[in-house]
Amino acid sequence: MTTDPKRMSLDELDSVADQARAYLAHLEQARADQPERLAKARSEADEARGWSLIEEPWNTLISALPTYNSDGQRTGDALMLPSITGKELFGARLAFDMLDCGEDQDRLEEVKTRYFTELRGDTGLLFLVCMAALDTIAGHIVPQMVDELETHASNYDVRVMLAEARTKAWNGRVSELRGPHDEAGH
């Protein structure tokens, strides 16, 4: 079968048209079914989160390492560190929980509050989990999405747009972007 429409037979043209119609019908059905599939996937994720936190709560994934002073005596304090697997798994969970929120600021705040609470307000642990989340997004999610956009949508501008956004982020200055609530004490 030739791909040049001028040289295709009527049967070949009909076959190509049928394939295009089937593909468009598939896209329309996927779009129509998306809200139901999304609600189901979110419900399953919420249930999985609930069971995970019951079966393997965060506090079982951290160790308290005693601290010592310069004389080698214990200070009575402890440094809390998660296992590498625990940190990476909670980071991946945070990444997907936040990405699932999309632009819904209320849902994003709920996710941030939930993780802050789960990690008992420990900003050091939260930092480790957030860095693992960023690693998941930058190392796994975005590359796959960019590849999909390039491969299936022929959008070869997306990588350039990400680099341009990086430039804009570094060109921004706090002094120029400061809002009324950015002053100390506000």
C-alpha atoms as a PDB file:
ATOM      1  CA  MET A   1       0.000   0.000   0.000  1.00  0.00           C
ATOM      2  CA  THR A   2       1.384   3.370  -0.989  1.00  0.00           C
ATOM      3  CA  THR A   3       1.236   6.358   1.354  1.00  0.00           C
ATOM      4  CA  ASP A   4       0.929   8.890  -1.465  1.00  0.00           C
ATOM      5  CA  PRO A   5      -2.801   9.817  -1.580  1.00  0.00           C
ATOM      6  CA  LYS A   6      -2.533  10.581  -5.307  1.00  0.00           C
ATOM      7  CA  ARG A   7      -1.471   6.994  -6.011  1.00  0.00           C
ATOM      8  CA  MET A   8      -3.827   5.204  -3.610  1.00  0.00           C
ATOM      9  CA  SER A   9      -6.726   3.150  -4.839  1.00  0.00           C
ATOM     10  CA  LEU A  10     -10.243   3.919  -3.641  1.00  0.00           C
ATOM     11  CA  ASP A  11     -10.131   0.823  -1.397  1.00  0.00           C
ATOM     12  CA  GLU A  12      -6.854   2.028   0.145  1.00  0.00           C
ATOM     13  CA  LEU A  13      -8.296   5.517   0.687  1.00  0.00           C
ATOM     14  CA  ASP A  14     -11.397   3.990   2.292  1.00  0.00           C
ATOM     15  CA  SER A  15      -9.184   1.886   4.564  1.00  0.00           C
ATOM     16  CA  VAL A  16      -7.179   4.934   5.667  1.00  0.00           C
ATOM     17  CA  ALA A  17     -10.386   6.905   6.242  1.00  0.00           C
ATOM     18  CA  ASP A  18     -11.820   4.024   8.306  1.00  0.00           C
ATOM     19  CA  GLN A  19      -8.650   3.932  10.421  1.00  0.00           C
ATOM     20  CA  ALA A  20      -8.826   7.687  10.977  1.00  0.00           C
ATOM     21  CA  ARG A  21     -12.525   7.479  11.937  1.00  0.00           C
ATOM     22  CA  ALA A  22     -11.793   4.618  14.368  1.00  0.00           C
ATOM     23  CA  TYR A  23      -8.950   6.571  15.942  1.00  0.00           C
ATOM     24  CA  LEU A  24     -11.114   9.686  16.328  1.00  0.00           C
ATOM     25  CA  ALA A  25     -13.909   7.587  17.860  1.00  0.00           C
ATOM     26  CA  HIS A  26     -11.372   6.126  20.298  1.00  0.00           C
ATOM     27  CA  LEU A  27     -10.193   9.635  21.269  1.00  0.00           C
ATOM     28  CA  GLU A  28     -13.747  10.883  21.748  1.00  0.00           C
ATOM     29  CA  GLN A  29     -14.629   7.850  23.899  1.00  0.00           C
ATOM     30  CA  ALA A  30     -11.466   8.287  26.004  1.00  0.00           C
ATOM     31  CA  ARG A  31     -12.334  11.959  26.541  1.00  0.00           C
ATOM     32  CA  ALA A  32     -15.905  11.104  27.509  1.00  0.00           C
ATOM     33  CA  ASP A  33     -14.801   8.323  29.895  1.00  0.00           C
ATOM     34  CA  GLN A  34     -11.998  10.310  31.519  1.00  0.00           C
ATOM     35  CA  PRO A  35     -13.987  11.815  34.438  1.00  0.00           C
ATOM     36  CA  GLU A  36     -15.261   8.388  35.511  1.00  0.00           C
ATOM     37  CA  ARG A  37     -11.847   6.721  35.107  1.00  0.00           C
ATOM     38  CA  LEU A  38     -10.181   9.597  36.970  1.00  0.00           C
ATOM     39  CA  ALA A  39     -12.636   9.407  39.868  1.00  0.00           C
ATOM     40  CA  LYS A  40     -12.080   5.643  40.111  1.00  0.00           C
ATOM     41  CA  ALA A  41      -8.284   6.000  40.029  1.00  0.00           C
ATOM     42  CA  ARG A  42      -8.380   8.720  42.707  1.00  0.00           C
ATOM     43  CA  SER A  43     -10.639   6.631  44.915  1.00  0.00           C
ATOM     44  CA  GLU A  44      -8.300   3.643  44.570  1.00  0.00           C
ATOM     45  CA  ALA A  45      -5.294   5.848  45.401  1.00  0.00           C
ATOM     46  CA  ASP A  46      -7.035   7.204  48.512  1.00  0.00           C
ATOM     47  CA  GLU A  47      -7.835   3.665  49.653  1.00  0.00           C
ATOM     48  CA  ALA A  48      -4.266   2.503  48.982  1.00  0.00           C
ATOM     49  CA  ARG A  49      -2.931   5.490  50.957  1.00  0.00           C
ATOM     50  CA  GLY A  50      -5.171   4.657  53.892  1.00  0.00           C
ATOM     51  CA  TRP A  51      -4.067   1.035  54.024  1.00  0.00           C
ATOM     52  CA  SER A  52      -0.420   1.935  53.533  1.00  0.00           C
ATOM     53  CA  LEU A  53      -0.443   4.356  56.449  1.00  0.00           C
ATOM     54  CA  ILE A  54      -2.082   1.723  58.643  1.00  0.00           C
ATOM     55  CA  GLU A  55       0.221  -1.110  57.622  1.00  0.00           C
ATOM     56  CA  GLU A  56       3.437   0.897  57.391  1.00  0.00           C
ATOM     57  CA  PRO A  57       3.209   4.316  59.055  1.00  0.00           C
ATOM     58  CA  TRP A  58       5.957   6.879  58.532  1.00  0.00           C
ATOM     59  CA  ASN A  59       7.295   6.505  62.068  1.00  0.00           C
ATOM     60  CA  THR A  60       8.237   2.886  61.292  1.00  0.00           C
ATOM     61  CA  LEU A  61      10.464   4.091  58.455  1.00  0.00           C
ATOM     62  CA  ILE A  62      12.660   6.454  60.471  1.00  0.00           C
ATOM     63  CA  SER A  63      15.523   5.833  62.839  1.00  0.00           C
ATOM     64  CA  ALA A  64      16.680   7.993  65.697  1.00  0.00           C
ATOM     65  CA  LEU A  65      20.449   8.333  65.706  1.00  0.00           C
ATOM     66  CA  PRO A  66      21.916   9.621  68.972  1.00  0.00           C
ATOM     67  CA  THR A  67      24.016  12.778  68.816  1.00  0.00           C
ATOM     68  CA  TYR A  68      27.301  13.337  70.610  1.00  0.00           C
ATOM     69  CA  ASN A  69      29.193  16.435  71.685  1.00  0.00           C
ATOM     70  CA  SER A  70      32.849  17.147  70.889  1.00  0.00           C
ATOM     71  CA  ASP A  71      33.907  15.148  73.973  1.00  0.00           C
ATOM     72  CA  GLY A  72      32.168  12.049  72.647  1.00  0.00           C
ATOM     73  CA  GLN A  73      29.369  12.152  75.202  1.00  0.00           C
ATOM     74  CA  ARG A  74      25.737  11.730  74.199  1.00  0.00           C
ATOM     75  CA  THR A  75      23.837  14.972  74.183  1.00  0.00           C
ATOM     76  CA  GLY A  76      20.432  13.443  74.775  1.00  0.00           C
ATOM     77  CA  ASP A  77      19.269  14.624  71.356  1.00  0.00           C
ATOM     78  CA  ALA A  78      18.698  12.428  68.339  1.00  0.00           C
ATOM     79  CA  LEU A  79      18.866  12.951  64.606  1.00  0.00           C
ATOM     80  CA  MET A  80      15.818  11.507  62.855  1.00  0.00           C
ATOM     81  CA  LEU A  81      16.547   9.936  59.469  1.00  0.00           C
ATOM     82  CA  PRO A  82      14.278   7.899  57.232  1.00  0.00           C
ATOM     83  CA  SER A  83      15.390   4.757  55.482  1.00  0.00           C
ATOM     84  CA  ILE A  84      16.413   5.455  51.893  1.00  0.00           C
ATOM     85  CA  THR A  85      13.555   3.322  50.609  1.00  0.00           C
ATOM     86  CA  GLY A  86      11.059   5.059  52.893  1.00  0.00           C
ATOM     87  CA  LYS A  87      12.222   8.514  51.811  1.00  0.00           C
ATOM     88  CA  GLU A  88      12.088   7.603  48.122  1.00  0.00           C
ATOM     89  CA  LEU A  89       8.685   5.932  48.416  1.00  0.00           C
ATOM     90  CA  PHE A  90       7.151   8.844  50.342  1.00  0.00           C
ATOM     91  CA  GLY A  91       8.777  11.207  47.835  1.00  0.00           C
ATOM     92  CA  ALA A  92       7.188   9.376  44.918  1.00  0.00           C
ATOM     93  CA  ARG A  93       3.857   9.413  46.733  1.00  0.00           C
ATOM     94  CA  LEU A  94       4.152  13.162  47.344  1.00  0.00           C
ATOM     95  CA  ALA A  95       5.045  13.769  43.699  1.00  0.00           C
ATOM     96  CA  PHE A  96       2.035  11.865  42.382  1.00  0.00           C
ATOM     97  CA  ASP A  97      -0.309  13.278  45.037  1.00  0.00           C
ATOM     98  CA  MET A  98       0.666  16.834  44.087  1.00  0.00           C
ATOM     99  CA  LEU A  99       0.607  16.219  40.345  1.00  0.00           C
ATOM    100  CA  ASP A 100      -2.868  14.726  40.668  1.00  0.00           C
ATOM    101  CA  CYS A 101      -4.072  18.025  42.165  1.00  0.00           C
ATOM    102  CA  GLY A 102      -3.383  19.905  38.958  1.00  0.00           C
ATOM    103  CA  GLU A 103      -4.263  23.566  39.398  1.00  0.00           C
ATOM    104  CA  ASP A 104      -6.646  22.953  42.320  1.00  0.00           C
ATOM    105  CA  GLN A 105      -5.007  25.071  45.039  1.00  0.00           C
ATOM    106  CA  ASP A 106      -7.265  23.722  47.789  1.00  0.00           C
ATOM    107  CA  ARG A 107      -6.259  20.148  46.982  1.00  0.00           C
ATOM    108  CA  LEU A 108      -2.588  21.161  46.827  1.00  0.00           C
ATOM    109  CA  GLU A 109      -2.828  22.761  50.266  1.00  0.00           C
ATOM    110  CA  GLU A 110      -4.542  19.642  51.624  1.00  0.00           C
ATOM    111  CA  VAL A 111      -1.701  17.445  50.303  1.00  0.00           C
ATOM    112  CA  LYS A 112       0.994  19.724  51.745  1.00  0.00           C
ATOM    113  CA  THR A 113      -0.780  19.842  55.108  1.00  0.00           C
ATOM    114  CA  ARG A 114      -1.227  16.071  55.129  1.00  0.00           C
ATOM    115  CA  TYR A 115       2.487  15.439  54.528  1.00  0.00           C
ATOM    116  CA  PHE A 116       3.549  18.103  57.027  1.00  0.00           C
ATOM    117  CA  THR A 117       1.290  16.462  59.606  1.00  0.00           C
ATOM    118  CA  GLU A 118       2.388  12.919  58.742  1.00  0.00           C
ATOM    119  CA  LEU A 119       6.036  13.947  59.156  1.00  0.00           C
ATOM    120  CA  ARG A 120       5.094  15.629  62.453  1.00  0.00           C
ATOM    121  CA  GLY A 121       6.219  19.052  61.319  1.00  0.00           C
ATOM    122  CA  ASP A 122       9.860  17.968  61.031  1.00  0.00           C
ATOM    123  CA  THR A 123      11.112  20.298  58.297  1.00  0.00           C
ATOM    124  CA  GLY A 124      14.327  18.297  57.912  1.00  0.00           C
ATOM    125  CA  LEU A 125      12.419  15.117  57.112  1.00  0.00           C
ATOM    126  CA  LEU A 126      10.006  17.057  54.933  1.00  0.00           C
ATOM    127  CA  PHE A 127      12.958  18.474  52.992  1.00  0.00           C
ATOM    128  CA  LEU A 128      14.294  14.963  52.317  1.00  0.00           C
ATOM    129  CA  VAL A 129      10.887  13.749  51.152  1.00  0.00           C
ATOM    130  CA  CYS A 130      10.345  16.865  48.999  1.00  0.00           C
ATOM    131  CA  MET A 131      13.742  16.386  47.350  1.00  0.00           C
ATOM    132  CA  ALA A 132      12.825  12.761  46.622  1.00  0.00           C
ATOM    133  CA  ALA A 133       9.537  14.034  45.127  1.00  0.00           C
ATOM    134  CA  LEU A 134      11.423  16.464  42.893  1.00  0.00           C
ATOM    135  CA  ASP A 135      13.770  13.652  41.847  1.00  0.00           C
ATOM    136  CA  THR A 136      10.736  11.559  40.881  1.00  0.00           C
ATOM    137  CA  ILE A 137       9.220  14.419  38.881  1.00  0.00           C
ATOM    138  CA  ALA A 138      12.437  15.508  37.152  1.00  0.00           C
ATOM    139  CA  GLY A 139      13.930  12.061  36.664  1.00  0.00           C
ATOM    140  CA  HIS A 140      10.905   9.971  35.769  1.00  0.00           C
ATOM    141  CA  ILE A 141       7.636  11.812  35.179  1.00  0.00           C
ATOM    142  CA  VAL A 142       8.664  14.797  33.072  1.00  0.00           C
ATOM    143  CA  PRO A 143      11.010  12.840  30.776  1.00  0.00           C
ATOM    144  CA  GLN A 144       8.226  10.359  30.000  1.00  0.00           C
ATOM    145  CA  MET A 145       5.713  13.157  29.394  1.00  0.00           C
ATOM    146  CA  VAL A 146       8.114  15.064  27.154  1.00  0.00           C
ATOM    147  CA  ASP A 147       8.855  11.889  25.206  1.00  0.00           C
ATOM    148  CA  GLU A 148       5.108  11.313  24.760  1.00  0.00           C
ATOM    149  CA  LEU A 149       4.625  14.887  23.524  1.00  0.00           C
ATOM    150  CA  GLU A 150       7.501  14.596  21.072  1.00  0.00           C
ATOM    151  CA  THR A 151       6.692  11.083  19.883  1.00  0.00           C
ATOM    152  CA  HIS A 152       2.914  11.195  19.673  1.00  0.00           C
ATOM    153  CA  ALA A 153       2.092  14.890  19.326  1.00  0.00           C
ATOM    154  CA  SER A 154       5.159  15.956  17.331  1.00  0.00           C
ATOM    155  CA  ASN A 155       5.682  18.803  19.792  1.00  0.00           C
ATOM    156  CA  TYR A 156       9.403  19.444  19.638  1.00  0.00           C
ATOM    157  CA  ASP A 157       9.036  22.810  21.347  1.00  0.00           C
ATOM    158  CA  VAL A 158       8.316  21.466  24.838  1.00  0.00           C
ATOM    159  CA  ARG A 159      11.982  20.884  25.826  1.00  0.00           C
ATOM    160  CA  VAL A 160      12.846  24.369  24.578  1.00  0.00           C
ATOM    161  CA  MET A 161       9.909  25.811  26.540  1.00  0.00           C
ATOM    162  CA  LEU A 162      11.171  24.098  29.706  1.00  0.00           C
ATOM    163  CA  ALA A 163      14.645  25.563  29.161  1.00  0.00           C
ATOM    164  CA  GLU A 164      13.107  29.005  28.541  1.00  0.00           C
ATOM    165  CA  ALA A 165      11.062  28.684  31.742  1.00  0.00           C
ATOM    166  CA  ARG A 166      14.285  27.850  33.585  1.00  0.00           C
ATOM    167  CA  THR A 167      15.858  31.018  32.161  1.00  0.00           C
ATOM    168  CA  LYS A 168      12.873  33.100  33.270  1.00  0.00           C
ATOM    169  CA  ALA A 169      13.061  31.602  36.761  1.00  0.00           C
ATOM    170  CA  TRP A 170      16.748  32.524  37.072  1.00  0.00           C
ATOM    171  CA  ASN A 171      16.230  35.971  35.562  1.00  0.00           C
ATOM    172  CA  GLY A 172      13.567  36.810  38.151  1.00  0.00           C
ATOM    173  CA  ARG A 173      14.659  38.816  41.178  1.00  0.00           C
ATOM    174  CA  VAL A 174      12.972  38.736  44.557  1.00  0.00           C
ATOM    175  CA  SER A 175      13.229  42.504  44.804  1.00  0.00           C
ATOM    176  CA  GLU A 176      11.254  42.841  41.575  1.00  0.00           C
ATOM    177  CA  LEU A 177       8.714  40.130  42.382  1.00  0.00           C
ATOM    178  CA  ARG A 178       8.130  40.960  46.043  1.00  0.00           C
ATOM    179  CA  GLY A 179       4.496  41.246  47.061  1.00  0.00           C
ATOM    180  CA  PRO A 180       2.899  43.032  50.020  1.00  0.00           C
ATOM    181  CA  HIS A 181       3.169  39.920  52.257  1.00  0.00           C
ATOM    182  CA  ASP A 182       6.853  39.255  51.549  1.00  0.00           C
ATOM    183  CA  GLU A 183       8.197  41.725  54.087  1.00  0.00           C
ATOM    184  CA  ALA A 184       9.689  40.337  57.288  1.00  0.00           C
ATOM    185  CA  GLY A 185       7.093  39.861  59.999  1.00  0.00           C
ATOM    186  CA  HIS A 186       4.172  39.509  57.583  1.00  0.00           C
END
